[in-house]
């Protein structure tokens, strides 16, 4: 019942073979496993720095070259077009406002158009408006695997000491338009400044908690998480099997984050079809197993609804223009 009478949201997904931009490969099912598992909304994210990074010998993803002028902008146009083609292929609906998200249910799967990395802006603020209107962008992650014009990333040495002035301007433009600002992959200093300049809640779409951070980790400390939660935002927990080997472990990880920031600030960000290694669950059809694990971990029904979508819906609604 929890999954049928509530808004359920994956805060970060590349499901459907979305990332096969250059090969223009076939799509894989998204809507049918969403219906089967009870997921109403997937935040489908293009990756706009993809031509410039790859998995290196140290088993980490690094930028291996700088893009040519206009390259990442042009790549993003193809990526956004592919996202919309996927949505049409699957018979999904694109959500553009809070009312649409509020009404979303799993029997009619929906998508929020997202971008992992704002590299396609190439330092041009007006491109935020263009993506909002042309591609219905409603969720923008500032950085990814490339230290870009907006700020520093967790997986490389800092260059900008956090969020740049241009990054702060992008946050402000997103706030004005109604685009969720996602600080995943950003350093603690980037998040610190983003939290100071935003007028809307921040999202950190996919990570998990650590109290013993290692260099270049994608996990976040309690301080990092509390900065996001302090804006009214949400931290999405990702189902990385090397961290969470099964659903019970994933639910326990969500409970640990809730103990640090409160249940109102925890979500689910699967990074579906974007993880480097295996996932705790491979299909949205398996989502009921996470519901059972969350109940077993001590979450009440209302809290399960919040964690599996209600919290994101609140952030999305708060981000929209009045």
C-alpha atoms as a PDB file:
ATOM      1  CA  UNK A   1       0.000   0.000   0.000  1.00  0.00           C
ATOM      2  CA  UNK A   2       2.891   2.375   0.724  1.00  0.00           C
ATOM      3  CA  UNK A   3       3.995   2.297  -2.913  1.00  0.00           C
ATOM      4  CA  UNK A   4       0.536   2.686  -4.459  1.00  0.00           C
ATOM      5  CA  UNK A   5      -0.859   5.656  -2.559  1.00  0.00           C
ATOM      6  CA  UNK A   6       2.222   7.904  -2.420  1.00  0.00           C
ATOM      7  CA  UNK A   7       4.661   9.787  -4.635  1.00  0.00           C
ATOM      8  CA  UNK A   8       7.708   7.537  -4.999  1.00  0.00           C
ATOM      9  CA  UNK A   9      10.868   9.009  -6.528  1.00  0.00           C
ATOM     10  CA  UNK A  10      14.322   7.882  -7.580  1.00  0.00           C
ATOM     11  CA  UNK A  11      16.321  11.096  -7.177  1.00  0.00           C
ATOM     12  CA  UNK A  12      19.051  10.049  -9.643  1.00  0.00           C
ATOM     13  CA  UNK A  13      18.807   7.584 -12.523  1.00  0.00           C
ATOM     14  CA  UNK A  14      20.261   6.744 -15.935  1.00  0.00           C
ATOM     15  CA  UNK A  15      17.782   3.909 -16.512  1.00  0.00           C
ATOM     16  CA  UNK A  16      16.765   2.775 -19.962  1.00  0.00           C
ATOM     17  CA  UNK A  17      20.189   2.930 -21.554  1.00  0.00           C
ATOM     18  CA  UNK A  18      20.027   6.723 -21.401  1.00  0.00           C
ATOM     19  CA  UNK A  19      23.814   7.144 -21.433  1.00  0.00           C
ATOM     20  CA  UNK A  20      24.353   5.469 -24.822  1.00  0.00           C
ATOM     21  CA  UNK A  21      24.400   8.819 -26.579  1.00  0.00           C
ATOM     22  CA  UNK A  22      27.232   8.398 -29.044  1.00  0.00           C
ATOM     23  CA  UNK A  23      26.237   4.843 -29.974  1.00  0.00           C
ATOM     24  CA  UNK A  24      22.531   5.772 -29.981  1.00  0.00           C
ATOM     25  CA  UNK A  25      21.838   2.271 -28.663  1.00  0.00           C
ATOM     26  CA  UNK A  26      18.375   0.795 -28.077  1.00  0.00           C
ATOM     27  CA  UNK A  27      16.439   1.651 -24.967  1.00  0.00           C
ATOM     28  CA  UNK A  28      15.837  -0.878 -22.214  1.00  0.00           C
ATOM     29  CA  UNK A  29      12.576  -1.070 -20.215  1.00  0.00           C
ATOM     30  CA  UNK A  30      11.997   1.667 -17.646  1.00  0.00           C
ATOM     31  CA  UNK A  31       8.249   2.177 -17.336  1.00  0.00           C
ATOM     32  CA  UNK A  32       7.305  -1.493 -16.925  1.00  0.00           C
ATOM     33  CA  UNK A  33       9.670  -2.182 -13.978  1.00  0.00           C
ATOM     34  CA  UNK A  34       8.565   1.132 -12.442  1.00  0.00           C
ATOM     35  CA  UNK A  35       4.937  -0.006 -12.598  1.00  0.00           C
ATOM     36  CA  UNK A  36       5.814  -3.451 -11.287  1.00  0.00           C
ATOM     37  CA  UNK A  37       7.872  -2.166  -8.373  1.00  0.00           C
ATOM     38  CA  UNK A  38       5.783   0.893  -7.496  1.00  0.00           C
ATOM     39  CA  UNK A  39       8.059   3.752  -8.569  1.00  0.00           C
ATOM     40  CA  UNK A  40       6.159   6.799  -9.816  1.00  0.00           C
ATOM     41  CA  UNK A  41       8.992   9.145 -10.821  1.00  0.00           C
ATOM     42  CA  UNK A  42      12.570   8.723 -12.016  1.00  0.00           C
ATOM     43  CA  UNK A  43      14.845  11.757 -12.176  1.00  0.00           C
ATOM     44  CA  UNK A  44      16.476  10.808 -15.474  1.00  0.00           C
ATOM     45  CA  UNK A  45      19.890  12.412 -15.777  1.00  0.00           C
ATOM     46  CA  UNK A  46      22.004  13.026 -18.850  1.00  0.00           C
ATOM     47  CA  UNK A  47      25.781  13.211 -18.276  1.00  0.00           C
ATOM     48  CA  UNK A  48      27.180  16.280 -19.974  1.00  0.00           C
ATOM     49  CA  UNK A  49      30.919  15.764 -19.322  1.00  0.00           C
ATOM     50  CA  UNK A  50      30.919  12.180 -20.628  1.00  0.00           C
ATOM     51  CA  UNK A  51      33.229  12.785 -23.633  1.00  0.00           C
ATOM     52  CA  UNK A  52      36.044  13.951 -21.348  1.00  0.00           C
ATOM     53  CA  UNK A  53      36.282  11.267 -18.638  1.00  0.00           C
ATOM     54  CA  UNK A  54      36.915   7.540 -18.362  1.00  0.00           C
ATOM     55  CA  UNK A  55      37.730   4.816 -15.845  1.00  0.00           C
ATOM     56  CA  UNK A  56      41.482   4.847 -15.192  1.00  0.00           C
ATOM     57  CA  UNK A  57      43.972   2.256 -13.987  1.00  0.00           C
ATOM     58  CA  UNK A  58      43.463   3.342 -10.362  1.00  0.00           C
ATOM     59  CA  UNK A  59      39.799   2.222 -10.706  1.00  0.00           C
ATOM     60  CA  UNK A  60      38.646   5.824 -10.414  1.00  0.00           C
ATOM     61  CA  UNK A  61      37.005   7.991 -13.058  1.00  0.00           C
ATOM     62  CA  UNK A  62      39.164  10.892 -14.233  1.00  0.00           C
ATOM     63  CA  UNK A  63      39.078  13.588 -16.886  1.00  0.00           C
ATOM     64  CA  UNK A  64      41.609  12.628 -19.549  1.00  0.00           C
ATOM     65  CA  UNK A  65      41.334  15.694 -21.789  1.00  0.00           C
ATOM     66  CA  UNK A  66      39.811  19.149 -21.934  1.00  0.00           C
ATOM     67  CA  UNK A  67      36.805  19.615 -24.228  1.00  0.00           C
ATOM     68  CA  UNK A  68      36.893  21.718 -27.359  1.00  0.00           C
ATOM     69  CA  UNK A  69      34.838  24.938 -27.266  1.00  0.00           C
ATOM     70  CA  UNK A  70      31.191  24.081 -27.804  1.00  0.00           C
ATOM     71  CA  UNK A  71      31.803  20.325 -27.562  1.00  0.00           C
ATOM     72  CA  UNK A  72      29.983  19.691 -24.294  1.00  0.00           C
ATOM     73  CA  UNK A  73      27.131  22.013 -25.194  1.00  0.00           C
ATOM     74  CA  UNK A  74      26.595  20.149 -28.469  1.00  0.00           C
ATOM     75  CA  UNK A  75      26.903  16.781 -26.737  1.00  0.00           C
ATOM     76  CA  UNK A  76      24.282  17.842 -24.184  1.00  0.00           C
ATOM     77  CA  UNK A  77      21.799  18.686 -26.923  1.00  0.00           C
ATOM     78  CA  UNK A  78      22.062  15.130 -28.241  1.00  0.00           C
ATOM     79  CA  UNK A  79      21.835  13.737 -24.693  1.00  0.00           C
ATOM     80  CA  UNK A  80      18.712  15.754 -23.823  1.00  0.00           C
ATOM     81  CA  UNK A  81      17.114  14.735 -27.120  1.00  0.00           C
ATOM     82  CA  UNK A  82      17.825  11.091 -26.295  1.00  0.00           C
ATOM     83  CA  UNK A  83      16.250  11.516 -22.851  1.00  0.00           C
ATOM     84  CA  UNK A  84      13.060  12.874 -24.389  1.00  0.00           C
ATOM     85  CA  UNK A  85      13.090  10.068 -26.954  1.00  0.00           C
ATOM     86  CA  UNK A  86      13.363   7.540 -24.115  1.00  0.00           C
ATOM     87  CA  UNK A  87      10.424   9.108 -22.299  1.00  0.00           C
ATOM     88  CA  UNK A  88       8.320   8.996 -25.464  1.00  0.00           C
ATOM     89  CA  UNK A  89       9.395   5.421 -26.210  1.00  0.00           C
ATOM     90  CA  UNK A  90       8.311   4.298 -22.736  1.00  0.00           C
ATOM     91  CA  UNK A  91       5.022   6.212 -22.758  1.00  0.00           C
ATOM     92  CA  UNK A  92       6.101   8.280 -19.763  1.00  0.00           C
ATOM     93  CA  UNK A  93       5.130  11.839 -18.870  1.00  0.00           C
ATOM     94  CA  UNK A  94       7.638  14.632 -18.177  1.00  0.00           C
ATOM     95  CA  UNK A  95       7.003  16.475 -14.922  1.00  0.00           C
ATOM     96  CA  UNK A  96       7.513  20.237 -15.067  1.00  0.00           C
ATOM     97  CA  UNK A  97       5.764  21.555 -11.955  1.00  0.00           C
ATOM     98  CA  UNK A  98       4.859  20.691  -8.392  1.00  0.00           C
ATOM     99  CA  UNK A  99       1.266  19.779  -9.236  1.00  0.00           C
ATOM    100  CA  UNK A 100       2.449  17.192 -11.732  1.00  0.00           C
ATOM    101  CA  UNK A 101       4.807  15.622  -9.225  1.00  0.00           C
ATOM    102  CA  UNK A 102       2.175  15.602  -6.491  1.00  0.00           C
ATOM    103  CA  UNK A 103      -0.204  13.637  -8.706  1.00  0.00           C
ATOM    104  CA  UNK A 104       2.379  11.145 -10.019  1.00  0.00           C
ATOM    105  CA  UNK A 105       1.732   7.477  -9.305  1.00  0.00           C
ATOM    106  CA  UNK A 106       3.428   4.285 -10.414  1.00  0.00           C
ATOM    107  CA  UNK A 107       0.610   3.166 -12.701  1.00  0.00           C
ATOM    108  CA  UNK A 108       1.595   6.042 -15.018  1.00  0.00           C
ATOM    109  CA  UNK A 109       5.391   6.401 -14.644  1.00  0.00           C
ATOM    110  CA  UNK A 110       6.850   9.875 -15.002  1.00  0.00           C
ATOM    111  CA  UNK A 111      10.250  11.495 -15.404  1.00  0.00           C
ATOM    112  CA  UNK A 112      11.964  14.633 -14.165  1.00  0.00           C
ATOM    113  CA  UNK A 113      14.535  15.877 -16.694  1.00  0.00           C
ATOM    114  CA  UNK A 114      17.908  16.147 -14.947  1.00  0.00           C
ATOM    115  CA  UNK A 115      21.516  16.785 -15.867  1.00  0.00           C
ATOM    116  CA  UNK A 116      24.492  15.307 -14.068  1.00  0.00           C
ATOM    117  CA  UNK A 117      26.987  18.126 -14.412  1.00  0.00           C
ATOM    118  CA  UNK A 118      26.425  21.668 -15.675  1.00  0.00           C
ATOM    119  CA  UNK A 119      29.413  21.422 -18.019  1.00  0.00           C
ATOM    120  CA  UNK A 120      27.186  22.122 -21.033  1.00  0.00           C
ATOM    121  CA  UNK A 121      26.798  25.702 -19.801  1.00  0.00           C
ATOM    122  CA  UNK A 122      30.459  26.354 -20.688  1.00  0.00           C
ATOM    123  CA  UNK A 123      30.393  29.454 -18.501  1.00  0.00           C
ATOM    124  CA  UNK A 124      27.251  30.918 -20.119  1.00  0.00           C
ATOM    125  CA  UNK A 125      24.455  31.636 -17.644  1.00  0.00           C
ATOM    126  CA  UNK A 126      21.778  32.084 -20.318  1.00  0.00           C
ATOM    127  CA  UNK A 127      22.067  28.384 -21.161  1.00  0.00           C
ATOM    128  CA  UNK A 128      20.325  27.577 -17.861  1.00  0.00           C
ATOM    129  CA  UNK A 129      17.240  29.345 -19.225  1.00  0.00           C
ATOM    130  CA  UNK A 130      17.632  27.636 -22.599  1.00  0.00           C
ATOM    131  CA  UNK A 131      17.727  24.154 -21.037  1.00  0.00           C
ATOM    132  CA  UNK A 132      14.766  25.017 -18.807  1.00  0.00           C
ATOM    133  CA  UNK A 133      12.596  26.035 -21.746  1.00  0.00           C
ATOM    134  CA  UNK A 134      13.884  23.826 -24.572  1.00  0.00           C
ATOM    135  CA  UNK A 135      14.476  20.586 -22.679  1.00  0.00           C
ATOM    136  CA  UNK A 136      12.227  21.108 -19.597  1.00  0.00           C
ATOM    137  CA  UNK A 137      15.267  20.796 -17.309  1.00  0.00           C
ATOM    138  CA  UNK A 138      14.086  20.793 -13.685  1.00  0.00           C
ATOM    139  CA  UNK A 139      17.034  19.212 -11.819  1.00  0.00           C
ATOM    140  CA  UNK A 140      20.635  20.343 -12.309  1.00  0.00           C
ATOM    141  CA  UNK A 141      23.685  18.761 -10.684  1.00  0.00           C
ATOM    142  CA  UNK A 142      26.439  21.366 -10.666  1.00  0.00           C
ATOM    143  CA  UNK A 143      29.486  19.109 -11.060  1.00  0.00           C
ATOM    144  CA  UNK A 144      30.346  15.542 -12.016  1.00  0.00           C
ATOM    145  CA  UNK A 145      33.766  14.038 -12.809  1.00  0.00           C
ATOM    146  CA  UNK A 146      35.310  17.168 -14.281  1.00  0.00           C
ATOM    147  CA  UNK A 147      36.408  20.211 -12.286  1.00  0.00           C
ATOM    148  CA  UNK A 148      34.289  22.640 -14.282  1.00  0.00           C
ATOM    149  CA  UNK A 149      33.464  26.343 -14.330  1.00  0.00           C
ATOM    150  CA  UNK A 150      31.139  25.947 -11.339  1.00  0.00           C
ATOM    151  CA  UNK A 151      33.430  24.368  -8.774  1.00  0.00           C
ATOM    152  CA  UNK A 152      35.427  21.523  -7.273  1.00  0.00           C
ATOM    153  CA  UNK A 153      34.625  17.815  -7.085  1.00  0.00           C
ATOM    154  CA  UNK A 154      35.165  15.197  -4.407  1.00  0.00           C
ATOM    155  CA  UNK A 155      37.243  12.915  -6.621  1.00  0.00           C
ATOM    156  CA  UNK A 156      39.998  15.378  -7.638  1.00  0.00           C
ATOM    157  CA  UNK A 157      42.246  17.915  -5.950  1.00  0.00           C
ATOM    158  CA  UNK A 158      40.460  21.262  -5.419  1.00  0.00           C
ATOM    159  CA  UNK A 159      41.103  24.067  -7.888  1.00  0.00           C
ATOM    160  CA  UNK A 160      38.539  26.732  -6.981  1.00  0.00           C
ATOM    161  CA  UNK A 161      38.286  26.344  -3.196  1.00  0.00           C
ATOM    162  CA  UNK A 162      34.673  25.259  -3.591  1.00  0.00           C
ATOM    163  CA  UNK A 163      31.869  26.897  -5.550  1.00  0.00           C
ATOM    164  CA  UNK A 164      32.956  29.604  -8.016  1.00  0.00           C
ATOM    165  CA  UNK A 165      31.248  32.946  -8.526  1.00  0.00           C
ATOM    166  CA  UNK A 166      29.789  31.527 -11.743  1.00  0.00           C
ATOM    167  CA  UNK A 167      28.566  28.499  -9.788  1.00  0.00           C
ATOM    168  CA  UNK A 168      26.873  30.817  -7.294  1.00  0.00           C
ATOM    169  CA  UNK A 169      25.217  32.677 -10.178  1.00  0.00           C
ATOM    170  CA  UNK A 170      23.941  29.364 -11.575  1.00  0.00           C
ATOM    171  CA  UNK A 171      22.475  28.467  -8.179  1.00  0.00           C
ATOM    172  CA  UNK A 172      20.696  31.818  -8.129  1.00  0.00           C
ATOM    173  CA  UNK A 173      19.355  31.362 -11.653  1.00  0.00           C
ATOM    174  CA  UNK A 174      18.077  27.873 -10.832  1.00  0.00           C
ATOM    175  CA  UNK A 175      16.382  29.251  -7.721  1.00  0.00           C
ATOM    176  CA  UNK A 176      14.653  31.922  -9.803  1.00  0.00           C
ATOM    177  CA  UNK A 177      13.504  29.595 -12.596  1.00  0.00           C
ATOM    178  CA  UNK A 178      12.491  26.584 -10.527  1.00  0.00           C
ATOM    179  CA  UNK A 179      15.287  24.062 -11.061  1.00  0.00           C
ATOM    180  CA  UNK A 180      16.366  21.765  -8.227  1.00  0.00           C
ATOM    181  CA  UNK A 181      20.036  22.398  -7.397  1.00  0.00           C
ATOM    182  CA  UNK A 182      21.944  19.141  -6.874  1.00  0.00           C
ATOM    183  CA  UNK A 183      25.356  19.269  -5.154  1.00  0.00           C
ATOM    184  CA  UNK A 184      26.273  15.585  -5.609  1.00  0.00           C
ATOM    185  CA  UNK A 185      29.989  15.126  -6.441  1.00  0.00           C
ATOM    186  CA  UNK A 186      30.744  18.600  -5.056  1.00  0.00           C
ATOM    187  CA  UNK A 187      33.294  19.105  -2.303  1.00  0.00           C
ATOM    188  CA  UNK A 188      32.409  20.088   1.240  1.00  0.00           C
ATOM    189  CA  UNK A 189      33.526  23.659   0.490  1.00  0.00           C
ATOM    190  CA  UNK A 190      31.348  23.766  -2.618  1.00  0.00           C
ATOM    191  CA  UNK A 191      28.353  22.625  -0.580  1.00  0.00           C
ATOM    192  CA  UNK A 192      29.183  25.117   2.165  1.00  0.00           C
ATOM    193  CA  UNK A 193      28.979  28.058  -0.243  1.00  0.00           C
ATOM    194  CA  UNK A 194      26.007  26.639  -2.148  1.00  0.00           C
ATOM    195  CA  UNK A 195      24.123  26.369   1.160  1.00  0.00           C
ATOM    196  CA  UNK A 196      25.008  29.981   1.930  1.00  0.00           C
ATOM    197  CA  UNK A 197      23.830  31.417  -1.404  1.00  0.00           C
ATOM    198  CA  UNK A 198      20.757  29.308  -2.190  1.00  0.00           C
ATOM    199  CA  UNK A 199      17.270  30.527  -1.403  1.00  0.00           C
ATOM    200  CA  UNK A 200      15.795  27.060  -2.001  1.00  0.00           C
ATOM    201  CA  UNK A 201      16.525  23.583  -0.574  1.00  0.00           C
ATOM    202  CA  UNK A 202      19.544  21.752  -1.953  1.00  0.00           C
ATOM    203  CA  UNK A 203      19.564  18.173  -3.213  1.00  0.00           C
ATOM    204  CA  UNK A 204      22.459  15.733  -2.862  1.00  0.00           C
ATOM    205  CA  UNK A 205      21.042  13.008  -5.045  1.00  0.00           C
ATOM    206  CA  UNK A 206      23.302   9.972  -4.595  1.00  0.00           C
ATOM    207  CA  UNK A 207      25.828   9.175  -1.885  1.00  0.00           C
ATOM    208  CA  UNK A 208      25.993   7.582   1.574  1.00  0.00           C
ATOM    209  CA  UNK A 209      27.311   8.431   5.009  1.00  0.00           C
ATOM    210  CA  UNK A 210      30.835   7.932   6.324  1.00  0.00           C
ATOM    211  CA  UNK A 211      32.460   8.932   9.592  1.00  0.00           C
ATOM    212  CA  UNK A 212      35.931   7.964   8.321  1.00  0.00           C
ATOM    213  CA  UNK A 213      36.334   9.689   4.955  1.00  0.00           C
ATOM    214  CA  UNK A 214      39.142   8.580   2.676  1.00  0.00           C
ATOM    215  CA  UNK A 215      40.783  10.846   0.105  1.00  0.00           C
ATOM    216  CA  UNK A 216      38.634  11.368  -3.012  1.00  0.00           C
ATOM    217  CA  UNK A 217      35.665   9.480  -1.588  1.00  0.00           C
ATOM    218  CA  UNK A 218      32.180  10.058  -2.975  1.00  0.00           C
ATOM    219  CA  UNK A 219      30.703   9.462   0.477  1.00  0.00           C
ATOM    220  CA  UNK A 220      29.854  12.354   2.788  1.00  0.00           C
ATOM    221  CA  UNK A 221      30.526  13.149   6.422  1.00  0.00           C
ATOM    222  CA  UNK A 222      27.830  14.147   8.922  1.00  0.00           C
ATOM    223  CA  UNK A 223      28.939  17.799   8.545  1.00  0.00           C
ATOM    224  CA  UNK A 224      28.527  17.595   4.768  1.00  0.00           C
ATOM    225  CA  UNK A 225      25.091  16.010   5.088  1.00  0.00           C
ATOM    226  CA  UNK A 226      23.920  18.526   7.689  1.00  0.00           C
ATOM    227  CA  UNK A 227      24.795  21.428   5.394  1.00  0.00           C
ATOM    228  CA  UNK A 228      22.360  20.044   2.814  1.00  0.00           C
ATOM    229  CA  UNK A 229      19.704  19.230   5.391  1.00  0.00           C
ATOM    230  CA  UNK A 230      20.100  22.708   6.878  1.00  0.00           C
ATOM    231  CA  UNK A 231      18.692  24.206   3.681  1.00  0.00           C
ATOM    232  CA  UNK A 232      15.654  21.933   3.975  1.00  0.00           C
ATOM    233  CA  UNK A 233      17.238  19.606   1.443  1.00  0.00           C
ATOM    234  CA  UNK A 234      17.529  15.863   0.920  1.00  0.00           C
ATOM    235  CA  UNK A 235      20.392  13.360   0.658  1.00  0.00           C
ATOM    236  CA  UNK A 236      19.697  10.401  -1.622  1.00  0.00           C
ATOM    237  CA  UNK A 237      21.265   7.104  -0.561  1.00  0.00           C
ATOM    238  CA  UNK A 238      22.602   4.981  -3.405  1.00  0.00           C
ATOM    239  CA  UNK A 239      22.449   1.159  -3.482  1.00  0.00           C
ATOM    240  CA  UNK A 240      26.122   0.374  -4.085  1.00  0.00           C
ATOM    241  CA  UNK A 241      26.561  -3.324  -3.372  1.00  0.00           C
ATOM    242  CA  UNK A 242      30.134  -2.938  -2.089  1.00  0.00           C
ATOM    243  CA  UNK A 243      28.708  -0.677   0.655  1.00  0.00           C
ATOM    244  CA  UNK A 244      25.256  -2.220   1.052  1.00  0.00           C
ATOM    245  CA  UNK A 245      25.347  -5.908   0.081  1.00  0.00           C
ATOM    246  CA  UNK A 246      21.589  -6.421   0.465  1.00  0.00           C
ATOM    247  CA  UNK A 247      18.330  -4.580   1.090  1.00  0.00           C
ATOM    248  CA  UNK A 248      18.644  -4.855   4.863  1.00  0.00           C
ATOM    249  CA  UNK A 249      22.066  -3.200   4.724  1.00  0.00           C
ATOM    250  CA  UNK A 250      20.718  -0.451   2.443  1.00  0.00           C
ATOM    251  CA  UNK A 251      17.832   0.214   4.823  1.00  0.00           C
ATOM    252  CA  UNK A 252      20.296   0.345   7.713  1.00  0.00           C
ATOM    253  CA  UNK A 253      22.377   2.880   5.757  1.00  0.00           C
ATOM    254  CA  UNK A 254      19.309   5.027   5.236  1.00  0.00           C
ATOM    255  CA  UNK A 255      18.568   4.756   8.947  1.00  0.00           C
ATOM    256  CA  UNK A 256      22.098   5.918   9.784  1.00  0.00           C
ATOM    257  CA  UNK A 257      21.664   8.964   7.579  1.00  0.00           C
ATOM    258  CA  UNK A 258      18.262   9.639   9.165  1.00  0.00           C
ATOM    259  CA  UNK A 259      19.876   9.494  12.606  1.00  0.00           C
ATOM    260  CA  UNK A 260      22.263  12.275  11.525  1.00  0.00           C
ATOM    261  CA  UNK A 261      19.957  14.612   9.577  1.00  0.00           C
ATOM    262  CA  UNK A 262      16.419  13.457  10.370  1.00  0.00           C
ATOM    263  CA  UNK A 263      14.004  11.348   8.337  1.00  0.00           C
ATOM    264  CA  UNK A 264      12.739  14.447   6.503  1.00  0.00           C
ATOM    265  CA  UNK A 265      16.097  14.772   4.747  1.00  0.00           C
ATOM    266  CA  UNK A 266      16.736  11.254   3.363  1.00  0.00           C
ATOM    267  CA  UNK A 267      15.841   9.855  -0.050  1.00  0.00           C
ATOM    268  CA  UNK A 268      16.735   7.135  -2.550  1.00  0.00           C
ATOM    269  CA  UNK A 269      19.096   7.862  -5.447  1.00  0.00           C
ATOM    270  CA  UNK A 270      19.855   4.624  -7.263  1.00  0.00           C
ATOM    271  CA  UNK A 271      22.234   5.883  -9.989  1.00  0.00           C
ATOM    272  CA  UNK A 272      20.589   3.130 -12.043  1.00  0.00           C
ATOM    273  CA  UNK A 273      22.767   2.036 -14.988  1.00  0.00           C
ATOM    274  CA  UNK A 274      25.395   4.547 -13.898  1.00  0.00           C
ATOM    275  CA  UNK A 275      27.199   2.710 -11.113  1.00  0.00           C
ATOM    276  CA  UNK A 276      30.739   1.515 -11.831  1.00  0.00           C
ATOM    277  CA  UNK A 277      30.160  -1.686  -9.828  1.00  0.00           C
ATOM    278  CA  UNK A 278      27.164  -3.892  -8.987  1.00  0.00           C
ATOM    279  CA  UNK A 279      24.014  -2.478  -7.409  1.00  0.00           C
ATOM    280  CA  UNK A 280      22.146  -3.768  -4.365  1.00  0.00           C
ATOM    281  CA  UNK A 281      19.128  -4.141  -6.607  1.00  0.00           C
ATOM    282  CA  UNK A 282      19.188  -4.049 -10.392  1.00  0.00           C
ATOM    283  CA  UNK A 283      15.563  -3.282 -11.235  1.00  0.00           C
ATOM    284  CA  UNK A 284      12.810  -1.003  -9.985  1.00  0.00           C
ATOM    285  CA  UNK A 285      10.675  -4.143  -9.830  1.00  0.00           C
ATOM    286  CA  UNK A 286      12.644  -5.039  -6.676  1.00  0.00           C
ATOM    287  CA  UNK A 287      11.620  -1.863  -4.823  1.00  0.00           C
ATOM    288  CA  UNK A 288       9.070  -3.638  -2.571  1.00  0.00           C
ATOM    289  CA  UNK A 289      12.004  -5.495  -1.032  1.00  0.00           C
ATOM    290  CA  UNK A 290      13.439  -2.169   0.131  1.00  0.00           C
ATOM    291  CA  UNK A 291      10.067  -1.222   1.622  1.00  0.00           C
ATOM    292  CA  UNK A 292      10.074  -4.428   3.679  1.00  0.00           C
ATOM    293  CA  UNK A 293      13.662  -3.760   4.777  1.00  0.00           C
ATOM    294  CA  UNK A 294      12.826  -0.200   5.822  1.00  0.00           C
ATOM    295  CA  UNK A 295       9.951  -1.448   7.983  1.00  0.00           C
ATOM    296  CA  UNK A 296      12.263  -4.061   9.486  1.00  0.00           C
ATOM    297  CA  UNK A 297      14.801  -1.319  10.222  1.00  0.00           C
ATOM    298  CA  UNK A 298      12.192   0.538  12.286  1.00  0.00           C
ATOM    299  CA  UNK A 299      10.827   3.111   9.835  1.00  0.00           C
ATOM    300  CA  UNK A 300       7.129   3.914  10.292  1.00  0.00           C
ATOM    301  CA  UNK A 301       4.779   4.027   7.297  1.00  0.00           C
ATOM    302  CA  UNK A 302       4.818   7.824   7.056  1.00  0.00           C
ATOM    303  CA  UNK A 303       8.616   7.855   7.178  1.00  0.00           C
ATOM    304  CA  UNK A 304       8.866   5.229   4.435  1.00  0.00           C
ATOM    305  CA  UNK A 305       6.656   7.447   2.266  1.00  0.00           C
ATOM    306  CA  UNK A 306       8.931  10.411   2.976  1.00  0.00           C
ATOM    307  CA  UNK A 307      12.169   8.561   2.256  1.00  0.00           C
ATOM    308  CA  UNK A 308      10.894   6.940  -0.937  1.00  0.00           C
ATOM    309  CA  UNK A 309       9.629  10.154  -2.506  1.00  0.00           C
ATOM    310  CA  UNK A 310       7.791  12.502  -0.186  1.00  0.00           C
ATOM    311  CA  UNK A 311      10.936  14.356   0.805  1.00  0.00           C
ATOM    312  CA  UNK A 312      11.973  14.909  -2.797  1.00  0.00           C
ATOM    313  CA  UNK A 313       8.448  16.074  -3.661  1.00  0.00           C
ATOM    314  CA  UNK A 314       8.713  18.651  -0.873  1.00  0.00           C
ATOM    315  CA  UNK A 315      12.056  19.948  -2.180  1.00  0.00           C
ATOM    316  CA  UNK A 316      10.719  20.041  -5.745  1.00  0.00           C
ATOM    317  CA  UNK A 317       7.629  21.990  -4.681  1.00  0.00           C
ATOM    318  CA  UNK A 318       9.701  24.431  -2.618  1.00  0.00           C
ATOM    319  CA  UNK A 319      11.959  25.023  -5.630  1.00  0.00           C
ATOM    320  CA  UNK A 320       9.162  26.004  -7.997  1.00  0.00           C
ATOM    321  CA  UNK A 321       8.384  29.724  -8.424  1.00  0.00           C
ATOM    322  CA  UNK A 322       5.635  31.052  -6.166  1.00  0.00           C
END
